[in-house]
Structures are given as C-alpha cells and as structure tokens.
Amino acid sequence: MAAPAAASPAAAGTAAFVQPVVVSSTSGPQASSAPARAWAGILSSIRTHPRSWVAAGATAAFLIIGGGSFAAGAATGGPAQPAALNAPVHTASPSASATPSSTPTPTGRPTANPAAAATALKTCSVAGPASDGRLGTLEAQVVDAKTGQVLFDRNGGTGAPTASVMKTITAGAAISALGADYQISTTAVKGSQPGQVVIVGGGDPTLGTGKPQWYQGAPTLTDLADQVKKAWAADPSNAGQPITSVVADASLFGGPTWQASWHENPERTPEGSTAEIAALMADGDKQSPTKLESPRGTDPVGDAGQAFAQDLGAKYDGAGSAPQGAAQLGVVKSQPISALITEALQNSDNTVMEMIARLVAIKMGAGNTFGAIDAGDTAALKKIGVDTSGLTIIDGSGLSADNRVPPSFFSSYLTKVLNRENGLGVIYDALPIAGQSGTLAKSYGRFTGASAVATGQVHAKTGSIDGAYTLAGVINAKDGSQLVFSIYALGNVGDSARAAIDSLTAAIYSCGDNLSNS
C-alpha cells in the first residue's frame, strides 16, 4: 500500500502556528472574567488582521475534519497498516521567534518498506488423479526446475523403496567415479602351469560368446581367444607347448553373488531379469542370449570359462587366480559406460547396473561386495555435489525393498541431471520417453488413453517391485516450464499402479507451473 502524500511545506508551516485556545479550569471570580477578556482580545485581533484569521480558520477546520475522518476510520475497523505507516508523524515544534511567513525545516517522515514480490496463486489441481486408490500410499514431489519451487508434495521427505529408479542414482555415481568414457576390460594372461591361460573378469556384463546376443557392439570371448592364440604363438618360450587349459579368475568381486533381500522368484528363474553377480560372465549368463530377459544360470564364471576354453581348444580347469606379474596375452573392452548406462536405463537392465555399482564401490575404495555399494555410491555422488543425506542404498538396480530414498532427493538430483552438471546429461539423454521409447513405450502399455497427452514430453525412469511402483524424471510441461518429479505408489499395489502413475504424470504435465499443492 502506498504511503500518503506528505503535506506541502507551506501547509505544514501554517498548521504549526495555529495556537490552541486553552480554557482554564480555575474557579472563582477571576475564572469567570477570564473568558470575557479572552474573547475581547480575539475580536480586537480579528478586526485588526482579518485575512490572517480567515486563513487560520480554514486550516483549523481542515485539521478538525481530517481528525474526524481518521477517528471514523479507526472506529469502523479499516484495514491495518504496516508498522511503518502506524508510526507517529513528528512535526517541527513552533519557534517563539518565528513569524507566520517563515517555513521550518521538515523532519523525516517514515515510509513503508518495499512490498515483497507477489507469488502467483497456483490454481491447477491434480487432487483427483492423486487420490486414485491404485496408487496405494502415495509419495511424490514436483519441483519447478528453474525456480526450485516445490509445487506439489505428498510425503516427499520420507524415504521409501525406489524400485528401478535406483538405476539413475547408480548411473550418476558411475559417471562421477569412472567417467562416461570408461571401458571395462576383460583380459587373458599366461598361467602358472605349462600351457595354461587365465581369463580375468573385469566386471563386463555384456561380454559375449561370439554368437548373436542382445548387447550390440559388445566384445566377445572369440575375439579374446584370437588375440591369445597370436600372442602365444609369437612367444618363443611357448615353442612346442600348446595351450591346454583355462582357469577363470573372477576375484575382482567378492561374494555373495545374490543379494539376500532379492526375491528368488520371479526375478531369478521364470522372468530372468537378473544374473548372479560375478566379475566374469558371458552373454549376461542368459540361456537365450538374444532376448532382453531370459532364465539365467547358477554358475556364470564356470559357463564363461568353459566357453573361452572351447574357443582355445583347451579344457576348463575351473576357478583360479592369475599369477602376479603374468604376461598379458590379450584384452577386450566393453562399450563406454555412457552406452552401458543407456542400455540399463532404457531397458531397466538389472545385471548391467549391479556390475557397474560394484565397479563404483571398488573405484571409491569402499570394497567389492554388495555391502560396499552404499558407501561407494554416496562417496562418488558427494564428489559432484549431490546431497546424499537420508539415502540407504542396498544395491545398484533397485531390486531390494530395503533401499530408502525420499522423493525430495530426486527433486534436487534430477535438476542437476537436467542442467547437465558434471556430465550428468548422459542420464537425461538415456531416460525412456513417454509413449515413445524404452520401458515407457506404448508397447509396455505406458501413456495410453487420456495419458497420451504427455507423449514425448516425459523423460523418466520406471520402476516396479513387490509393494512399490515408481516413476521419476523430467516433464517438459504444456506451458513450457520444466518440472522434475518423482512418484511412488507404495503398499498393496499391483500392475494397475502404472496406469495411475501415468494419469497423475499427465495431469501434472497439463498443469505445468500452475500446479497447485491442494
């Protein structure tokens, strides 16, 4: 509210010199004659200076009327003024020697503090889709990526299982610890026995047998075997000694190979989304290598070792260790980490992310087991300025129901991803797109029907385990704003939660920055 205009110096000066008529309360004879003498003096003055008395009278009338108006406003309970406007106005005290034509120096007048910037009222509600019973217990948060304003929040600070949205966290840790261009090596060295070759696993989940497989552009055991044969033949010390045996060294990773909190079924056998986690495997240890998901074996190291021995025309002698300082006979390298992240986020590949998480833990000096993943990931994320408080990380894939990450974490983390800080833009580029790619494609039943309004405008990672269905990413909203979001449907929920999540996400897309928290 604007401050009232100050009176002009002339008006202030005139008002200052209007003298009040004081009626004495003294009793007795003198009191009774005092009013008569006072009025006589006033009448004489009016006759002598009529113009001055007219001006003074007008000013007095203005003050009386103004005072009455102020009193009336106070009596009727008008709007309260800011504290600065309620402060008393100090006027100059009249000087005894001053004349009516002189103007005193005005004192400072308090002014109102500048008004705080108004915040537009958000009026677009998603209360309907947010109350869908298929969502179970809802945890969610939506933030304007540009301003950081929280637009929508439902238990956003409460940690909960992430399901496969955890893969985005593993990806960020990998970029920090390993770098987007890092490639995983599988090597072969000369063994301690005559004619022996040791294959040393480096943690590459995409290493193939040389036959058609799901992972495109991956290195193969056949390529490695060809290098070994050439190197062996070129070494004079091997003259007359053929390659006769193969030993597999998978000591880079410690056990166990299966996380205790993972369900044996359906993850392991019928669905086949996850292999035993070992530093050496071939074709993702799938029985059907060309498929995304396939039943897996129970001895990935042995299966890879036997396949390599077959390529060399040797026998497999089981697991062992490479001799210290052994001569290298060959090496093959995986696709860069950026490509592996793309594969894992697009297709929600558990095995790829578990292998990467283990490599992060090793690189950060945290250890080489499942138990080291939490410390490894958090240390790597802290390096790039990610706040990891409130996180409990059990695995790299999100399969464990014991993972705990609040939606508010994704609000800050995914803002960094969107802004491509510290190389994290690789993650944004790898996220499935609503109705178009990866696990958000229409072939997965995502963003169909009314939710199709957001087709192409949501880049996000999906997740589903028993008791938790999730989605987190970036919405390029209808009004042009960019929103980072995460939605968890928890508790007694099933596959129908996916459609409910899509419906809520599409409603958020339509609201954009006008999204209301009500």
Protein backbone atom coordinates (compact mmCIF):
# COMPACT_ATOMS: atom_id res chain seq x y z
CA MET A 1 0.00 0.00 0.00
CA ALA A 2 1.46 3.42 -1.00
CA ALA A 3 2.31 5.91 1.75
CA PRO A 4 0.03 9.01 1.88
CA ALA A 5 1.47 12.13 0.29
CA ALA A 6 3.18 14.47 2.74
CA ALA A 7 1.67 17.95 3.24
CA SER A 8 3.43 20.79 1.40
CA PRO A 9 5.96 22.80 3.47
CA ALA A 10 3.68 25.85 3.38
CA ALA A 11 0.72 23.96 4.73
CA ALA A 12 2.86 22.36 7.38
CA GLY A 13 4.15 25.74 8.41
CA THR A 14 0.68 27.26 8.68
CA ALA A 15 -0.60 24.35 10.73
CA ALA A 16 2.32 24.59 13.09
CA PHE A 17 1.45 28.13 14.03
CA VAL A 18 -2.24 27.65 14.85
CA GLN A 19 -2.31 28.15 18.60
CA PRO A 20 -4.88 26.23 20.67
CA VAL A 21 -7.42 28.11 22.81
CA VAL A 22 -6.83 26.96 26.38
CA VAL A 23 -9.81 27.21 28.72
CA SER A 24 -8.65 27.40 32.30
CA SER A 25 -10.22 25.16 34.90
CA THR A 26 -9.54 27.70 37.66
CA SER A 27 -12.63 28.52 39.74
CA GLY A 28 -13.58 31.80 41.43
CA PRO A 29 -14.15 35.39 40.34
CA GLN A 30 -11.04 35.57 38.15
CA ALA A 31 -12.11 32.46 36.32
CA SER A 32 -15.47 33.96 35.45
CA SER A 33 -13.88 37.09 33.94
CA ALA A 34 -11.09 35.31 32.06
CA PRO A 35 -13.25 34.09 29.17
CA ALA A 36 -14.67 37.54 28.64
CA ARG A 37 -11.21 39.10 28.46
CA ALA A 38 -10.03 36.37 26.08
CA TRP A 39 -12.92 36.85 23.66
CA ALA A 40 -12.46 40.60 23.75
CA GLY A 41 -8.84 40.18 22.69
CA ILE A 42 -9.76 37.81 19.92
CA LEU A 43 -12.41 40.10 18.48
CA SER A 44 -9.97 43.01 18.52
CA SER A 45 -7.38 40.91 16.69
CA ILE A 46 -9.92 39.82 14.05
CA ARG A 47 -10.79 43.41 13.29
CA THR A 48 -7.11 44.34 13.01
CA HIS A 49 -5.92 41.29 10.90
CA PRO A 50 -8.99 39.83 9.14
CA ARG A 51 -7.10 37.94 6.35
CA SER A 52 -4.78 36.10 8.71
CA TRP A 53 -7.70 34.93 10.81
CA VAL A 54 -9.59 33.65 7.74
CA ALA A 55 -6.58 31.55 6.67
CA ALA A 56 -6.03 30.24 10.16
CA GLY A 57 -9.69 29.34 10.50
CA ALA A 58 -9.66 27.34 7.26
CA THR A 59 -6.62 25.40 8.35
CA ALA A 60 -8.16 24.62 11.73
CA ALA A 61 -11.33 23.39 10.03
CA PHE A 62 -9.22 21.10 7.78
CA LEU A 63 -7.49 19.59 10.76
CA ILE A 64 -10.73 19.07 12.66
CA ILE A 65 -12.40 17.39 9.66
CA GLY A 66 -9.31 15.28 8.90
CA GLY A 67 -9.07 14.22 12.52
CA GLY A 68 -12.70 13.26 12.50
CA SER A 69 -12.19 11.19 9.35
CA PHE A 70 -9.22 9.37 10.93
CA ALA A 71 -11.26 8.69 14.04
CA ALA A 72 -14.14 7.40 11.95
CA GLY A 73 -11.78 5.09 10.04
CA ALA A 74 -10.40 3.71 13.28
CA ALA A 75 -13.85 3.24 14.71
CA THR A 76 -15.05 1.24 11.70
CA GLY A 77 -12.04 -1.12 11.81
CA GLY A 78 -10.40 -0.32 8.46
CA PRO A 79 -7.50 -2.46 7.14
CA ALA A 80 -4.47 -2.50 9.40
CA GLN A 81 -1.48 -0.50 8.15
CA PRO A 82 2.08 -1.79 8.04
CA ALA A 83 4.04 -0.97 11.17
CA ALA A 84 6.00 1.79 9.44
CA LEU A 85 2.78 3.54 8.46
CA ASN A 86 1.44 3.35 12.02
CA ALA A 87 4.46 5.16 13.43
CA PRO A 88 3.75 8.69 14.80
CA VAL A 89 4.37 11.61 12.44
CA HIS A 90 6.71 14.12 14.07
CA THR A 91 6.29 17.79 13.10
CA ALA A 92 8.59 20.66 13.93
CA SER A 93 7.85 22.44 17.23
CA PRO A 94 6.89 26.15 16.69
CA SER A 95 9.60 28.62 17.49
CA ALA A 96 8.71 31.59 19.71
CA SER A 97 10.51 33.97 17.36
CA ALA A 98 9.15 32.54 14.15
CA THR A 99 6.73 34.51 12.03
CA PRO A 100 3.74 33.11 10.12
CA SER A 101 5.60 33.53 6.82
CA SER A 102 8.67 31.50 7.91
CA THR A 103 8.97 27.80 6.95
CA PRO A 104 10.57 25.39 9.42
CA THR A 105 12.85 22.58 8.16
CA PRO A 106 10.63 19.50 7.90
CA THR A 107 11.74 16.35 9.69
CA GLY A 108 11.92 12.91 8.02
CA ARG A 109 8.65 11.05 7.51
CA PRO A 110 8.59 7.25 7.92
CA THR A 111 7.84 5.37 4.71
CA ALA A 112 6.53 1.87 4.08
CA ASN A 113 9.02 -0.94 3.43
CA PRO A 114 9.02 -2.14 -0.22
CA ALA A 115 6.33 -4.76 -0.68
CA ALA A 116 7.51 -8.36 -1.04
CA ALA A 117 7.25 -9.76 -4.56
CA ALA A 118 3.85 -11.31 -5.04
CA THR A 119 3.69 -15.06 -5.66
CA ALA A 120 1.13 -16.10 -8.22
CA LEU A 121 -1.62 -18.28 -6.80
CA LYS A 122 -1.40 -21.81 -8.21
CA THR A 123 -4.85 -22.94 -9.28
CA CYS A 124 -4.44 -26.17 -11.28
CA SER A 125 -5.23 -29.12 -9.04
CA VAL A 126 -4.33 -32.78 -9.58
CA ALA A 127 -6.17 -33.89 -6.47
CA GLY A 128 -8.33 -36.28 -8.48
CA PRO A 129 -5.62 -38.46 -10.05
CA ALA A 130 -3.50 -38.14 -6.89
CA SER A 131 -6.27 -39.79 -4.86
CA ASP A 132 -6.56 -42.80 -7.19
CA GLY A 133 -6.75 -45.88 -4.98
CA ARG A 134 -4.46 -47.78 -7.35
CA LEU A 135 -1.60 -45.63 -6.08
CA GLY A 136 -1.80 -47.14 -2.61
CA THR A 137 0.17 -44.89 -0.28
CA LEU A 138 1.38 -42.01 -2.41
CA GLU A 139 4.73 -40.34 -2.01
CA ALA A 140 5.54 -37.67 -4.57
CA GLN A 141 7.18 -34.35 -5.17
CA VAL A 142 7.17 -31.95 -8.13
CA VAL A 143 9.57 -29.00 -8.37
CA ASP A 144 9.95 -26.21 -10.89
CA ALA A 145 13.45 -26.90 -12.21
CA LYS A 146 14.08 -23.22 -12.96
CA THR A 147 12.99 -21.66 -9.67
CA GLY A 148 13.36 -24.59 -7.29
CA GLN A 149 9.82 -24.01 -6.00
CA VAL A 150 8.08 -27.11 -4.66
CA LEU A 151 4.75 -27.19 -6.48
CA PHE A 152 3.38 -30.48 -5.21
CA ASP A 153 4.33 -32.64 -2.26
CA ARG A 154 2.95 -35.80 -0.71
CA ASN A 155 5.29 -37.19 1.95
CA GLY A 156 8.20 -36.02 -0.18
CA GLY A 157 10.71 -36.18 2.64
CA THR A 158 10.02 -39.80 3.57
CA GLY A 159 12.48 -42.46 2.42
CA ALA A 160 10.98 -45.44 0.59
CA PRO A 161 11.95 -48.19 -1.86
CA THR A 162 12.72 -46.75 -5.28
CA ALA A 163 12.47 -49.90 -7.39
CA SER A 164 14.38 -49.40 -10.66
CA VAL A 165 14.50 -45.62 -10.34
CA MET A 166 17.59 -46.50 -8.26
CA LYS A 167 19.37 -47.06 -11.57
CA THR A 168 19.53 -43.30 -12.13
CA ILE A 169 21.47 -42.96 -8.86
CA THR A 170 23.88 -45.75 -9.83
CA ALA A 171 24.38 -44.03 -13.19
CA GLY A 172 25.33 -40.75 -11.54
CA ALA A 173 27.77 -42.49 -9.23
CA ALA A 174 29.36 -44.26 -12.22
CA ILE A 175 29.80 -41.02 -14.14
CA SER A 176 31.46 -39.47 -11.10
CA ALA A 177 33.70 -42.40 -10.15
CA LEU A 178 34.52 -43.96 -13.53
CA GLY A 179 33.72 -41.33 -16.14
CA ALA A 180 31.35 -41.59 -19.09
CA ASP A 181 34.12 -42.83 -21.41
CA TYR A 182 35.40 -45.60 -19.14
CA GLN A 183 35.50 -49.08 -20.69
CA ILE A 184 35.54 -52.37 -18.79
CA SER A 185 38.41 -54.70 -19.66
CA THR A 186 38.44 -58.49 -19.80
CA THR A 187 42.00 -59.83 -20.06
CA ALA A 188 43.83 -63.07 -20.59
CA VAL A 189 47.26 -63.79 -19.09
CA LYS A 190 49.73 -66.64 -19.05
CA GLY A 191 49.07 -69.10 -16.24
CA SER A 192 51.43 -70.61 -13.71
CA GLN A 193 51.33 -74.07 -15.36
CA PRO A 194 52.67 -75.01 -18.78
CA GLY A 195 50.05 -74.48 -21.47
CA GLN A 196 47.75 -72.63 -19.08
CA VAL A 197 45.82 -69.43 -19.84
CA VAL A 198 43.92 -67.44 -17.21
CA ILE A 199 40.93 -65.33 -18.20
CA VAL A 200 40.48 -62.44 -15.77
CA GLY A 201 37.00 -60.99 -15.41
CA GLY A 202 36.77 -57.20 -15.15
CA GLY A 203 33.05 -56.92 -14.46
CA ASP A 204 31.74 -56.57 -18.01
CA PRO A 205 28.14 -57.88 -18.09
CA THR A 206 27.92 -57.56 -21.88
CA LEU A 207 30.88 -59.79 -22.82
CA GLY A 208 29.59 -62.22 -25.45
CA THR A 209 30.48 -65.67 -26.68
CA GLY A 210 30.68 -64.56 -30.29
CA LYS A 211 27.18 -65.74 -31.11
CA PRO A 212 24.25 -63.34 -31.69
CA GLN A 213 23.28 -61.64 -28.44
CA TRP A 214 21.17 -58.82 -27.03
CA TYR A 215 24.08 -56.47 -26.32
CA GLN A 216 25.11 -54.86 -29.59
CA GLY A 217 28.72 -53.86 -30.18
CA ALA A 218 29.92 -55.84 -27.17
CA PRO A 219 33.34 -57.55 -27.03
CA THR A 220 33.46 -61.32 -27.38
CA LEU A 221 35.34 -64.28 -25.99
CA THR A 222 36.07 -65.28 -29.58
CA ASP A 223 37.95 -62.00 -30.16
CA LEU A 224 39.91 -62.51 -26.96
CA ALA A 225 40.77 -66.10 -27.88
CA ASP A 226 42.10 -64.98 -31.27
CA GLN A 227 44.42 -62.47 -29.55
CA VAL A 228 45.63 -65.14 -27.14
CA LYS A 229 46.45 -67.59 -29.92
CA LYS A 230 48.53 -64.99 -31.78
CA ALA A 231 50.37 -63.85 -28.66
CA TRP A 232 51.03 -67.43 -27.58
CA ALA A 233 52.48 -68.38 -30.94
CA ALA A 234 54.67 -65.27 -31.02
CA ASP A 235 56.32 -66.05 -27.64
CA PRO A 236 59.47 -68.19 -28.14
CA SER A 237 59.16 -69.57 -24.60
CA ASN A 238 55.99 -71.35 -25.71
CA ALA A 239 57.71 -73.22 -28.55
CA GLY A 240 56.34 -76.73 -28.70
CA GLN A 241 53.88 -76.05 -25.90
CA PRO A 242 50.23 -75.76 -26.96
CA ILE A 243 47.50 -74.14 -24.91
CA THR A 244 45.98 -76.97 -22.91
CA SER A 245 43.94 -75.48 -20.07
CA VAL A 246 41.98 -72.44 -18.99
CA VAL A 247 41.47 -71.05 -15.50
CA ALA A 248 38.86 -68.35 -14.72
CA ASP A 249 39.76 -65.56 -12.30
CA ALA A 250 36.68 -63.69 -11.03
CA SER A 251 38.28 -62.45 -7.81
CA LEU A 252 37.59 -58.79 -8.60
CA PHE A 253 34.15 -59.18 -6.96
CA GLY A 254 33.57 -60.66 -3.53
CA GLY A 255 30.58 -62.81 -2.62
CA PRO A 256 27.78 -63.47 -2.24
CA THR A 257 26.61 -63.40 -5.84
CA TRP A 258 22.92 -62.88 -4.89
CA GLN A 259 21.64 -60.07 -2.67
CA ALA A 260 19.86 -61.52 0.34
CA SER A 261 16.89 -59.12 0.09
CA TRP A 262 16.13 -60.05 -3.53
CA HIS A 263 13.28 -62.43 -4.23
CA GLU A 264 14.37 -65.76 -5.67
CA ASN A 265 11.19 -65.72 -7.76
CA PRO A 266 10.16 -64.34 -10.14
CA GLU A 267 13.34 -62.32 -10.63
CA ARG A 268 15.76 -65.19 -10.94
CA THR A 269 14.23 -68.09 -12.80
CA PRO A 270 10.97 -67.58 -14.72
CA GLU A 271 11.44 -63.89 -15.62
CA GLY A 272 15.22 -63.91 -15.82
CA SER A 273 15.88 -60.21 -15.35
CA THR A 274 18.97 -60.69 -13.20
CA ALA A 275 22.07 -62.87 -13.24
CA GLU A 276 24.23 -63.99 -10.36
CA ILE A 277 26.61 -61.06 -9.89
CA ALA A 278 30.16 -62.18 -10.68
CA ALA A 279 33.12 -60.39 -12.26
CA LEU A 280 33.14 -62.81 -15.19
CA MET A 281 30.15 -63.86 -17.28
CA ALA A 282 29.25 -64.19 -20.94
CA ASP A 283 26.02 -63.15 -22.68
CA GLY A 284 24.70 -61.88 -19.35
CA ASP A 285 24.61 -65.58 -18.38
CA LYS A 286 21.34 -65.90 -20.31
CA GLN A 287 20.05 -69.17 -21.65
CA SER A 288 18.64 -67.19 -24.60
CA PRO A 289 21.30 -64.53 -25.29
CA THR A 290 19.30 -62.67 -27.93
CA LYS A 291 16.47 -61.80 -25.52
CA LEU A 292 16.31 -58.92 -23.07
CA GLU A 293 15.12 -61.29 -20.34
CA SER A 294 15.86 -64.96 -20.13
CA PRO A 295 16.34 -67.57 -17.43
CA ARG A 296 19.90 -67.38 -16.09
CA GLY A 297 22.35 -69.97 -14.89
CA THR A 298 23.75 -70.52 -11.43
CA ASP A 299 27.47 -70.51 -12.33
CA PRO A 300 28.24 -67.55 -14.62
CA VAL A 301 32.01 -67.82 -14.06
CA GLY A 302 32.13 -71.51 -14.97
CA ASP A 303 29.92 -71.03 -18.02
CA ALA A 304 32.13 -68.22 -19.36
CA GLY A 305 35.32 -70.16 -18.59
CA GLN A 306 34.11 -73.23 -20.46
CA ALA A 307 33.08 -71.12 -23.49
CA PHE A 308 36.53 -69.49 -23.57
CA ALA A 309 38.30 -72.85 -23.23
CA GLN A 310 36.27 -74.16 -26.15
CA ASP A 311 37.40 -71.23 -28.31
CA LEU A 312 41.02 -72.08 -27.45
CA GLY A 313 40.61 -75.81 -27.97
CA ALA A 314 41.54 -76.44 -24.33
CA LYS A 315 39.92 -77.85 -21.24
CA TYR A 316 38.43 -75.79 -18.45
CA ASP A 317 40.20 -76.28 -15.10
CA GLY A 318 37.78 -74.20 -13.00
CA ALA A 319 38.22 -71.07 -10.96
CA GLY A 320 41.67 -69.83 -10.00
CA SER A 321 43.90 -66.79 -9.75
CA ALA A 322 46.19 -65.09 -12.21
CA PRO A 323 49.86 -65.16 -11.21
CA GLN A 324 51.36 -61.86 -10.04
CA GLY A 325 53.01 -60.07 -12.94
CA ALA A 326 51.81 -62.59 -15.51
CA ALA A 327 52.30 -61.65 -19.16
CA GLN A 328 49.18 -60.33 -20.83
CA LEU A 329 48.05 -62.30 -23.85
CA GLY A 330 45.01 -60.28 -24.86
CA VAL A 331 42.37 -57.79 -23.79
CA VAL A 332 38.89 -56.81 -24.98
CA LYS A 333 36.96 -53.74 -23.82
CA SER A 334 33.29 -53.01 -23.32
CA GLN A 335 31.32 -50.17 -24.80
CA PRO A 336 31.82 -46.91 -22.82
CA ILE A 337 29.99 -46.53 -19.52
CA SER A 338 27.70 -43.98 -21.21
CA ALA A 339 26.47 -46.72 -23.58
CA LEU A 340 26.01 -49.20 -20.75
CA ILE A 341 24.02 -46.60 -18.80
CA THR A 342 21.80 -46.03 -21.83
CA GLU A 343 21.16 -49.77 -22.12
CA ALA A 344 20.38 -50.10 -18.43
CA LEU A 345 18.05 -47.08 -18.19
CA GLN A 346 16.20 -47.71 -21.44
CA ASN A 347 15.56 -51.39 -20.75
CA SER A 348 15.85 -51.44 -16.95
CA ASP A 349 18.71 -53.94 -17.08
CA ASN A 350 19.38 -55.09 -13.52
CA THR A 351 22.53 -57.07 -14.28
CA VAL A 352 24.29 -54.19 -16.04
CA MET A 353 23.59 -51.80 -13.16
CA GLU A 354 24.66 -54.30 -10.50
CA MET A 355 28.01 -54.81 -12.22
CA ILE A 356 28.50 -51.06 -12.58
CA ALA A 357 27.61 -50.44 -8.92
CA ARG A 358 30.25 -52.95 -7.85
CA LEU A 359 32.87 -51.22 -10.04
CA VAL A 360 31.99 -47.87 -8.45
CA ALA A 361 32.45 -49.31 -4.97
CA ILE A 362 35.86 -50.70 -5.92
CA LYS A 363 36.97 -47.45 -7.56
CA MET A 364 35.95 -45.44 -4.48
CA GLY A 365 37.83 -47.84 -2.17
CA ALA A 366 34.67 -48.99 -0.40
CA GLY A 367 35.05 -52.71 -1.11
CA ASN A 368 33.91 -55.25 -3.69
CA THR A 369 30.70 -56.71 -2.24
CA PHE A 370 27.02 -55.76 -2.07
CA GLY A 371 27.73 -54.27 1.34
CA ALA A 372 30.14 -51.74 -0.20
CA ILE A 373 27.67 -50.25 -2.67
CA ASP A 374 26.14 -47.73 -0.25
CA ALA A 375 29.49 -46.25 0.74
CA GLY A 376 30.78 -46.35 -2.84
CA ASP A 377 27.77 -44.62 -4.36
CA THR A 378 27.48 -41.94 -1.70
CA ALA A 379 31.19 -41.12 -1.89
CA ALA A 380 31.01 -40.83 -5.68
CA LEU A 381 27.88 -38.68 -5.60
CA LYS A 382 29.35 -36.33 -3.00
CA LYS A 383 32.24 -35.68 -5.39
CA ILE A 384 29.83 -33.99 -7.80
CA GLY A 385 27.89 -32.06 -5.18
CA VAL A 386 24.93 -34.38 -4.64
CA ASP A 387 23.39 -34.35 -1.14
CA THR A 388 23.18 -37.99 -0.07
CA SER A 389 21.71 -37.48 3.38
CA GLY A 390 18.72 -39.73 4.03
CA LEU A 391 19.78 -42.38 1.48
CA THR A 392 20.11 -46.10 2.16
CA ILE A 393 21.46 -47.92 -0.89
CA ILE A 394 21.38 -51.70 -0.82
CA ASP A 395 22.00 -52.48 -4.48
CA GLY A 396 22.61 -50.87 -7.85
CA SER A 397 19.44 -51.97 -9.62
CA GLY A 398 16.67 -51.15 -7.14
CA LEU A 399 15.53 -54.74 -6.76
CA SER A 400 15.81 -54.58 -2.99
CA ALA A 401 12.80 -53.43 -0.99
CA ASP A 402 15.28 -52.27 1.65
CA ASN A 403 16.50 -49.30 -0.39
CA ARG A 404 15.39 -45.97 1.07
CA VAL A 405 15.35 -42.74 -0.93
CA PRO A 406 12.90 -39.84 -0.38
CA PRO A 407 11.25 -38.22 -3.42
CA SER A 408 12.84 -34.91 -2.37
CA PHE A 409 16.25 -36.39 -3.21
CA PHE A 410 15.22 -36.86 -6.81
CA SER A 411 13.99 -33.26 -6.98
CA SER A 412 17.49 -31.90 -6.38
CA TYR A 413 19.38 -34.71 -8.11
CA LEU A 414 17.33 -34.69 -11.30
CA THR A 415 17.63 -30.91 -11.51
CA LYS A 416 21.40 -31.46 -11.78
CA VAL A 417 20.76 -34.13 -14.42
CA LEU A 418 18.54 -31.76 -16.40
CA ASN A 419 21.12 -28.98 -16.16
CA ARG A 420 23.83 -31.42 -17.29
CA GLU A 421 26.04 -30.69 -14.33
CA ASN A 422 29.26 -32.71 -14.02
CA GLY A 423 28.49 -34.84 -17.06
CA LEU A 424 25.09 -35.97 -15.74
CA GLY A 425 23.39 -35.01 -19.00
CA VAL A 426 24.20 -38.56 -20.16
CA ILE A 427 21.47 -39.73 -17.80
CA TYR A 428 18.84 -37.36 -19.18
CA ASP A 429 19.65 -38.46 -22.73
CA ALA A 430 19.27 -42.12 -21.70
CA LEU A 431 15.90 -41.85 -19.97
CA PRO A 432 12.89 -43.53 -21.61
CA ILE A 433 10.43 -41.10 -23.23
CA ALA A 434 6.70 -41.33 -22.57
CA GLY A 435 4.88 -43.27 -25.27
CA GLN A 436 7.99 -43.49 -27.44
CA SER A 437 10.97 -45.42 -26.07
CA GLY A 438 12.33 -47.89 -23.56
CA THR A 439 10.10 -49.03 -20.73
CA LEU A 440 7.80 -46.03 -21.30
CA ALA A 441 6.94 -47.08 -24.83
CA LYS A 442 3.34 -47.79 -25.74
CA SER A 443 4.34 -51.42 -26.26
CA TYR A 444 4.73 -51.55 -22.48
CA GLY A 445 1.24 -50.07 -22.11
CA ARG A 446 2.52 -46.71 -20.90
CA PHE A 447 0.93 -43.32 -21.52
CA THR A 448 -2.05 -44.58 -23.46
CA GLY A 449 -5.64 -43.30 -23.49
CA ALA A 450 -6.08 -39.91 -21.84
CA SER A 451 -2.49 -40.03 -20.56
CA ALA A 452 -1.23 -39.91 -24.16
CA VAL A 453 -1.49 -36.12 -23.95
CA ALA A 454 2.01 -36.21 -22.42
CA THR A 455 3.52 -38.39 -25.17
CA GLY A 456 7.06 -37.30 -25.92
CA GLN A 457 7.11 -34.81 -23.05
CA VAL A 458 8.11 -37.00 -20.10
CA HIS A 459 11.68 -38.30 -19.78
CA ALA A 460 11.70 -40.66 -16.81
CA LYS A 461 12.83 -43.94 -15.29
CA THR A 462 10.27 -46.57 -14.41
CA GLY A 463 10.37 -48.98 -11.51
CA SER A 464 8.36 -51.88 -10.10
CA ILE A 465 8.94 -54.40 -7.34
CA ASP A 466 6.56 -56.01 -4.90
CA GLY A 467 4.99 -53.17 -2.93
CA ALA A 468 6.48 -50.30 -4.92
CA TYR A 469 5.76 -48.86 -8.36
CA THR A 470 7.70 -45.72 -9.23
CA LEU A 471 8.43 -43.11 -11.88
CA ALA A 472 10.90 -40.21 -11.70
CA GLY A 473 12.32 -37.80 -14.22
CA VAL A 474 11.60 -34.57 -16.07
CA ILE A 475 8.34 -33.23 -17.50
CA ASN A 476 8.50 -30.70 -20.33
CA ALA A 477 5.16 -29.23 -19.38
CA LYS A 478 2.44 -27.90 -21.65
CA ASP A 479 3.09 -24.28 -20.59
CA GLY A 480 6.80 -24.54 -21.44
CA SER A 481 8.03 -24.99 -17.88
CA GLN A 482 10.30 -27.89 -16.92
CA LEU A 483 9.38 -29.87 -13.85
CA VAL A 484 11.39 -32.52 -12.05
CA PHE A 485 9.22 -35.12 -10.36
CA SER A 486 9.08 -38.45 -8.61
CA ILE A 487 6.02 -40.56 -7.86
CA TYR A 488 5.97 -43.63 -5.59
CA ALA A 489 2.92 -45.90 -5.32
CA LEU A 490 3.55 -47.96 -2.21
CA GLY A 491 1.93 -50.73 -0.22
CA ASN A 492 -0.78 -53.01 -1.54
CA VAL A 493 -0.31 -52.06 -5.18
CA GLY A 494 -0.18 -54.01 -8.42
CA ASP A 495 0.42 -53.54 -12.12
CA SER A 496 -2.56 -51.19 -12.38
CA ALA A 497 -0.48 -48.65 -10.45
CA ARG A 498 1.41 -47.95 -13.67
CA ALA A 499 -1.67 -46.50 -15.38
CA ALA A 500 -2.49 -44.46 -12.27
CA ILE A 501 1.04 -43.06 -12.20
CA ASP A 502 0.79 -42.18 -15.90
CA SER A 503 -2.53 -40.43 -15.30
CA LEU A 504 -1.09 -38.33 -12.46
CA THR A 505 2.01 -37.51 -14.51
CA ALA A 506 -0.11 -36.43 -17.48
CA ALA A 507 -2.20 -34.18 -15.21
CA ILE A 508 1.00 -32.58 -13.88
CA TYR A 509 2.13 -32.06 -17.48
CA SER A 510 -1.12 -30.23 -18.28
CA CYS A 511 -0.89 -28.00 -15.20
CA GLY A 512 2.74 -27.05 -15.64
CA ASP A 513 3.97 -24.26 -13.40
CA ASN A 514 0.37 -23.52 -12.35
CA LEU A 515 0.28 -26.83 -10.44
CA SER A 516 -1.44 -26.48 -7.09
CA ASN A 517 -0.46 -28.41 -3.98
CA SER A 518 -4.07 -28.68 -2.88
